Amino acid sequence: MFEREIYIWSKLEHQHIVELLGYVTCPDTGYPLIISEWMDNGTAWSYLERNPNMPMMDLVVIVR
């Protein structure tokens, strides 16, 4: 499933979607790590953790 997501993301070109730069496997955990350009707000997970009361409509805008 991960490979499919990486393939799809690699083909996307849109002003609101960050470019996929690549991926690596974490040597400590074996988990895949996705590489994109630097985002000032951090990862999607960390942003949502810092903003737990964000209205659902705003979340839809973020993920679009």
PDB file of N, CA and C in Angstrom:
ATOM      1  N   MET A   1       0.810  -1.178   0.000  1.00  0.00           N
ATOM      2  CA  MET A   1       0.000   0.000   0.000  1.00  0.00           C
ATOM      3  C   MET A   1       0.875   1.274   0.000  1.00  0.00           C
ATOM      4  N   PHE A   2       1.980   1.226   0.731  1.00  0.00           N
ATOM      5  CA  PHE A   2       2.869   2.384   0.787  1.00  0.00           C
ATOM      6  C   PHE A   2       3.419   2.710  -0.593  1.00  0.00           C
ATOM      7  N   GLU A   3       3.854   1.694  -1.318  1.00  0.00           N
ATOM      8  CA  GLU A   3       4.414   1.913  -2.654  1.00  0.00           C
ATOM      9  C   GLU A   3       3.382   2.556  -3.579  1.00  0.00           C
ATOM     10  N   ARG A   4       2.134   2.132  -3.459  1.00  0.00           N
ATOM     11  CA  ARG A   4       1.065   2.701  -4.289  1.00  0.00           C
ATOM     12  C   ARG A   4       0.876   4.184  -3.968  1.00  0.00           C
ATOM     13  N   GLU A   5       0.862   4.535  -2.690  1.00  0.00           N
ATOM     14  CA  GLU A   5       0.712   5.935  -2.294  1.00  0.00           C
ATOM     15  C   GLU A   5       1.874   6.788  -2.794  1.00  0.00           C
ATOM     16  N   ILE A   6       3.078   6.267  -2.678  1.00  0.00           N
ATOM     17  CA  ILE A   6       4.258   6.988  -3.157  1.00  0.00           C
ATOM     18  C   ILE A   6       4.167   7.209  -4.668  1.00  0.00           C
ATOM     19  N   TYR A   7       3.748   6.182  -5.384  1.00  0.00           N
ATOM     20  CA  TYR A   7       3.615   6.303  -6.833  1.00  0.00           C
ATOM     21  C   TYR A   7       2.595   7.382  -7.191  1.00  0.00           C
ATOM     22  N   ILE A   8       1.433   7.336  -6.555  1.00  0.00           N
ATOM     23  CA  ILE A   8       0.382   8.324  -6.838  1.00  0.00           C
ATOM     24  C   ILE A   8       0.870   9.726  -6.514  1.00  0.00           C
ATOM     25  N   TRP A   9       1.462   9.896  -5.327  1.00  0.00           N
ATOM     26  CA  TRP A   9       1.944  11.225  -4.930  1.00  0.00           C
ATOM     27  C   TRP A   9       3.003  11.732  -5.909  1.00  0.00           C
ATOM     28  N   SER A  10       3.853  10.846  -6.390  1.00  0.00           N
ATOM     29  CA  SER A  10       4.922  11.272  -7.298  1.00  0.00           C
ATOM     30  C   SER A  10       4.379  11.828  -8.609  1.00  0.00           C
ATOM     31  N   LYS A  11       3.161  11.475  -8.959  1.00  0.00           N
ATOM     32  CA  LYS A  11       2.557  11.923 -10.215  1.00  0.00           C
ATOM     33  C   LYS A  11       1.730  13.195 -10.060  1.00  0.00           C
ATOM     34  N   LEU A  12       1.467  13.621  -8.818  1.00  0.00           N
ATOM     35  CA  LEU A  12       0.611  14.780  -8.592  1.00  0.00           C
ATOM     36  C   LEU A  12       1.367  16.082  -8.817  1.00  0.00           C
ATOM     37  N   GLU A  13       0.705  17.025  -9.458  1.00  0.00           N
ATOM     38  CA  GLU A  13       1.248  18.358  -9.662  1.00  0.00           C
ATOM     39  C   GLU A  13       0.123  19.354  -9.414  1.00  0.00           C
ATOM     40  N   HIS A  14       0.187  20.048  -8.273  1.00  0.00           N
ATOM     41  CA  HIS A  14      -0.836  21.028  -7.918  1.00  0.00           C
ATOM     42  C   HIS A  14      -0.222  22.021  -6.950  1.00  0.00           C
ATOM     43  N   GLN A  15      -0.650  23.265  -7.009  1.00  0.00           N
ATOM     44  CA  GLN A  15      -0.083  24.318  -6.168  1.00  0.00           C
ATOM     45  C   GLN A  15      -0.308  24.080  -4.675  1.00  0.00           C
ATOM     46  N   HIS A  16      -1.291  23.276  -4.301  1.00  0.00           N
ATOM     47  CA  HIS A  16      -1.597  23.030  -2.887  1.00  0.00           C
ATOM     48  C   HIS A  16      -1.110  21.663  -2.400  1.00  0.00           C
ATOM     49  N   ILE A  17      -0.328  20.985  -3.209  1.00  0.00           N
ATOM     50  CA  ILE A  17       0.234  19.687  -2.815  1.00  0.00           C
ATOM     51  C   ILE A  17       1.748  19.797  -2.859  1.00  0.00           C
ATOM     52  N   VAL A  18       2.389  19.523  -1.717  1.00  0.00           N
ATOM     53  CA  VAL A  18       3.855  19.602  -1.699  1.00  0.00           C
ATOM     54  C   VAL A  18       4.441  18.503  -2.574  1.00  0.00           C
ATOM     55  N   GLU A  19       5.559  18.811  -3.178  1.00  0.00           N
ATOM     56  CA  GLU A  19       6.227  17.869  -4.063  1.00  0.00           C
ATOM     57  C   GLU A  19       6.878  16.747  -3.257  1.00  0.00           C
ATOM     58  N   LEU A  20       6.722  15.543  -3.729  1.00  0.00           N
ATOM     59  CA  LEU A  20       7.402  14.398  -3.130  1.00  0.00           C
ATOM     60  C   LEU A  20       8.845  14.414  -3.616  1.00  0.00           C
ATOM     61  N   LEU A  21       9.783  14.478  -2.678  1.00  0.00           N
ATOM     62  CA  LEU A  21      11.195  14.484  -3.051  1.00  0.00           C
ATOM     63  C   LEU A  21      11.802  13.088  -3.004  1.00  0.00           C
ATOM     64  N   GLY A  22      11.186  12.201  -2.223  1.00  0.00           N
ATOM     65  CA  GLY A  22      11.682  10.843  -2.129  1.00  0.00           C
ATOM     66  C   GLY A  22      11.249  10.181  -0.836  1.00  0.00           C
ATOM     67  N   TYR A  23      11.834   9.032  -0.562  1.00  0.00           N
ATOM     68  CA  TYR A  23      11.571   8.355   0.703  1.00  0.00           C
ATOM     69  C   TYR A  23      12.771   7.495   1.056  1.00  0.00           C
ATOM     70  N   VAL A  24      12.898   7.234   2.345  1.00  0.00           N
ATOM     71  CA  VAL A  24      13.958   6.376   2.867  1.00  0.00           C
ATOM     72  C   VAL A  24      13.351   5.481   3.935  1.00  0.00           C
ATOM     73  N   THR A  25      14.092   4.489   4.331  1.00  0.00           N
ATOM     74  CA  THR A  25      13.667   3.627   5.427  1.00  0.00           C
ATOM     75  C   THR A  25      14.471   3.997   6.665  1.00  0.00           C
ATOM     76  N   CYS A  26      13.777   4.213   7.782  1.00  0.00           N
ATOM     77  CA  CYS A  26      14.436   4.554   9.032  1.00  0.00           C
ATOM     78  C   CYS A  26      15.271   3.366   9.503  1.00  0.00           C
ATOM     79  N   PRO A  27      16.556   3.555   9.715  1.00  0.00           N
ATOM     80  CA  PRO A  27      17.402   2.425  10.110  1.00  0.00           C
ATOM     81  C   PRO A  27      17.060   1.881  11.500  1.00  0.00           C
ATOM     82  N   ASP A  28      16.477   2.711  12.368  1.00  0.00           N
ATOM     83  CA  ASP A  28      16.142   2.264  13.724  1.00  0.00           C
ATOM     84  C   ASP A  28      14.848   1.465  13.792  1.00  0.00           C
ATOM     85  N   THR A  29      13.840   1.887  13.014  1.00  0.00           N
ATOM     86  CA  THR A  29      12.521   1.260  13.111  1.00  0.00           C
ATOM     87  C   THR A  29      12.143   0.419  11.902  1.00  0.00           C
ATOM     88  N   GLY A  30      12.764   0.718  10.757  1.00  0.00           N
ATOM     89  CA  GLY A  30      12.382   0.035   9.530  1.00  0.00           C
ATOM     90  C   GLY A  30      11.176   0.666   8.852  1.00  0.00           C
ATOM     91  N   TYR A  31      10.621   1.730   9.454  1.00  0.00           N
ATOM     92  CA  TYR A  31       9.469   2.406   8.870  1.00  0.00           C
ATOM     93  C   TYR A  31       9.908   3.299   7.713  1.00  0.00           C
ATOM     94  N   PRO A  32       9.073   3.412   6.692  1.00  0.00           N
ATOM     95  CA  PRO A  32       9.397   4.322   5.596  1.00  0.00           C
ATOM     96  C   PRO A  32       9.183   5.763   6.033  1.00  0.00           C
ATOM     97  N   LEU A  33      10.061   6.649   5.596  1.00  0.00           N
ATOM     98  CA  LEU A  33       9.964   8.076   5.888  1.00  0.00           C
ATOM     99  C   LEU A  33       9.822   8.818   4.567  1.00  0.00           C
ATOM    100  N   ILE A  34       8.795   9.637   4.465  1.00  0.00           N
ATOM    101  CA  ILE A  34       8.513  10.380   3.245  1.00  0.00           C
ATOM    102  C   ILE A  34       9.234  11.721   3.312  1.00  0.00           C
ATOM    103  N   ILE A  35       9.863  12.109   2.218  1.00  0.00           N
ATOM    104  CA  ILE A  35      10.623  13.354   2.179  1.00  0.00           C
ATOM    105  C   ILE A  35       9.932  14.339   1.243  1.00  0.00           C
ATOM    106  N   SER A  36       9.646  15.519   1.794  1.00  0.00           N
ATOM    107  CA  SER A  36       9.082  16.611   0.998  1.00  0.00           C
ATOM    108  C   SER A  36       9.822  17.882   1.375  1.00  0.00           C
ATOM    109  N   GLU A  37       9.447  18.984   0.742  1.00  0.00           N
ATOM    110  CA  GLU A  37      10.085  20.247   1.091  1.00  0.00           C
ATOM    111  C   GLU A  37       9.773  20.608   2.545  1.00  0.00           C
ATOM    112  N   TRP A  38      10.590  21.491   3.124  1.00  0.00           N
ATOM    113  CA  TRP A  38      10.420  21.928   4.505  1.00  0.00           C
ATOM    114  C   TRP A  38       9.108  22.696   4.640  1.00  0.00           C
ATOM    115  N   MET A  39       8.326  22.355   5.659  1.00  0.00           N
ATOM    116  CA  MET A  39       7.074  23.043   5.924  1.00  0.00           C
ATOM    117  C   MET A  39       7.190  23.761   7.266  1.00  0.00           C
ATOM    118  N   ASP A  40       6.943  25.079   7.281  1.00  0.00           N
ATOM    119  CA  ASP A  40       7.098  25.878   8.493  1.00  0.00           C
ATOM    120  C   ASP A  40       6.218  25.389   9.644  1.00  0.00           C
ATOM    121  N   ASN A  41       5.055  24.822   9.331  1.00  0.00           N
ATOM    122  CA  ASN A  41       4.151  24.333  10.379  1.00  0.00           C
ATOM    123  C   ASN A  41       4.467  22.905  10.802  1.00  0.00           C
ATOM    124  N   GLY A  42       5.536  22.319  10.287  1.00  0.00           N
ATOM    125  CA  GLY A  42       5.907  20.963  10.661  1.00  0.00           C
ATOM    126  C   GLY A  42       5.117  19.927   9.886  1.00  0.00           C
ATOM    127  N   THR A  43       5.049  18.725  10.448  1.00  0.00           N
ATOM    128  CA  THR A  43       4.320  17.642   9.788  1.00  0.00           C
ATOM    129  C   THR A  43       2.815  17.840   9.956  1.00  0.00           C
ATOM    130  N   ALA A  44       2.047  17.164   9.140  1.00  0.00           N
ATOM    131  CA  ALA A  44       0.585  17.237   9.271  1.00  0.00           C
ATOM    132  C   ALA A  44       0.161  16.772  10.659  1.00  0.00           C
ATOM    133  N   TRP A  45       0.775  15.684  11.134  1.00  0.00           N
ATOM    134  CA  TRP A  45       0.422  15.169  12.467  1.00  0.00           C
ATOM    135  C   TRP A  45       0.731  16.188  13.554  1.00  0.00           C
ATOM    136  N   SER A  46       1.915  16.794  13.527  1.00  0.00           N
ATOM    137  CA  SER A  46       2.275  17.743  14.580  1.00  0.00           C
ATOM    138  C   SER A  46       1.385  18.985  14.523  1.00  0.00           C
ATOM    139  N   TYR A  47       1.017  19.415  13.325  1.00  0.00           N
ATOM    140  CA  TYR A  47       0.126  20.564  13.194  1.00  0.00           C
ATOM    141  C   TYR A  47      -1.231  20.263  13.825  1.00  0.00           C
ATOM    142  N   LEU A  48      -1.767  19.095  13.526  1.00  0.00           N
ATOM    143  CA  LEU A  48      -3.071  18.728  14.081  1.00  0.00           C
ATOM    144  C   LEU A  48      -3.001  18.518  15.595  1.00  0.00           C
ATOM    145  N   GLU A  49      -1.885  18.012  16.090  1.00  0.00           N
ATOM    146  CA  GLU A  49      -1.729  17.854  17.538  1.00  0.00           C
ATOM    147  C   GLU A  49      -1.698  19.213  18.237  1.00  0.00           C
ATOM    148  N   ARG A  50      -1.107  20.216  17.597  1.00  0.00           N
ATOM    149  CA  ARG A  50      -1.050  21.558  18.191  1.00  0.00           C
ATOM    150  C   ARG A  50      -2.371  22.303  18.058  1.00  0.00           C
ATOM    151  N   ASN A  51      -3.243  21.830  17.188  1.00  0.00           N
ATOM    152  CA  ASN A  51      -4.527  22.490  16.931  1.00  0.00           C
ATOM    153  C   ASN A  51      -5.677  21.489  17.052  1.00  0.00           C
ATOM    154  N   PRO A  52      -5.855  20.884  18.242  1.00  0.00           N
ATOM    155  CA  PRO A  52      -6.846  19.803  18.381  1.00  0.00           C
ATOM    156  C   PRO A  52      -8.294  20.272  18.249  1.00  0.00           C
ATOM    157  N   ASN A  53      -8.557  21.544  18.442  1.00  0.00           N
ATOM    158  CA  ASN A  53      -9.940  22.045  18.379  1.00  0.00           C
ATOM    159  C   ASN A  53     -10.280  22.694  17.049  1.00  0.00           C
ATOM    160  N   MET A  54      -9.475  22.418  16.045  1.00  0.00           N
ATOM    161  CA  MET A  54      -9.717  22.996  14.724  1.00  0.00           C
ATOM    162  C   MET A  54     -11.047  22.480  14.180  1.00  0.00           C
ATOM    163  N   PRO A  55     -11.906  23.383  13.681  1.00  0.00           N
ATOM    164  CA  PRO A  55     -13.180  22.933  13.100  1.00  0.00           C
ATOM    165  C   PRO A  55     -12.942  21.996  11.916  1.00  0.00           C
ATOM    166  N   MET A  56     -13.828  21.043  11.752  1.00  0.00           N
ATOM    167  CA  MET A  56     -13.693  20.032  10.692  1.00  0.00           C
ATOM    168  C   MET A  56     -13.581  20.678   9.315  1.00  0.00           C
ATOM    169  N   MET A  57     -14.297  21.766   9.066  1.00  0.00           N
ATOM    170  CA  MET A  57     -14.239  22.406   7.753  1.00  0.00           C
ATOM    171  C   MET A  57     -12.826  22.900   7.461  1.00  0.00           C
ATOM    172  N   ASP A  58     -12.122  23.436   8.470  1.00  0.00           N
ATOM    173  CA  ASP A  58     -10.753  23.878   8.263  1.00  0.00           C
ATOM    174  C   ASP A  58      -9.840  22.706   7.949  1.00  0.00           C
ATOM    175  N   LEU A  59     -10.103  21.543   8.544  1.00  0.00           N
ATOM    176  CA  LEU A  59      -9.295  20.360   8.253  1.00  0.00           C
ATOM    177  C   LEU A  59      -9.464  19.937   6.809  1.00  0.00           C
ATOM    178  N   VAL A  60     -10.660  20.038   6.293  1.00  0.00           N
ATOM    179  CA  VAL A  60     -10.910  19.680   4.895  1.00  0.00           C
ATOM    180  C   VAL A  60     -10.093  20.587   3.985  1.00  0.00           C
ATOM    181  N   VAL A  61     -10.030  21.871   4.294  1.00  0.00           N
ATOM    182  CA  VAL A  61      -9.246  22.811   3.485  1.00  0.00           C
ATOM    183  C   VAL A  61      -7.779  22.477   3.543  1.00  0.00           C
ATOM    184  N   ILE A  62      -7.263  22.078   4.714  1.00  0.00           N
ATOM    185  CA  ILE A  62      -5.856  21.751   4.863  1.00  0.00           C
ATOM    186  C   ILE A  62      -5.469  20.551   4.007  1.00  0.00           C
ATOM    187  N   VAL A  63      -6.295  19.521   3.983  1.00  0.00           N
ATOM    188  CA  VAL A  63      -5.927  18.303   3.264  1.00  0.00           C
ATOM    189  C   VAL A  63      -6.233  18.363   1.778  1.00  0.00           C
ATOM    190  N   ARG A  64      -6.904  19.384   1.322  1.00  0.00           N
ATOM    191  CA  ARG A  64      -7.184  19.485  -0.109  1.00  0.00           C
ATOM    192  C   ARG A  64      -5.990  19.889  -0.878  1.00  0.00           C
TER     193      ARG A  64
END
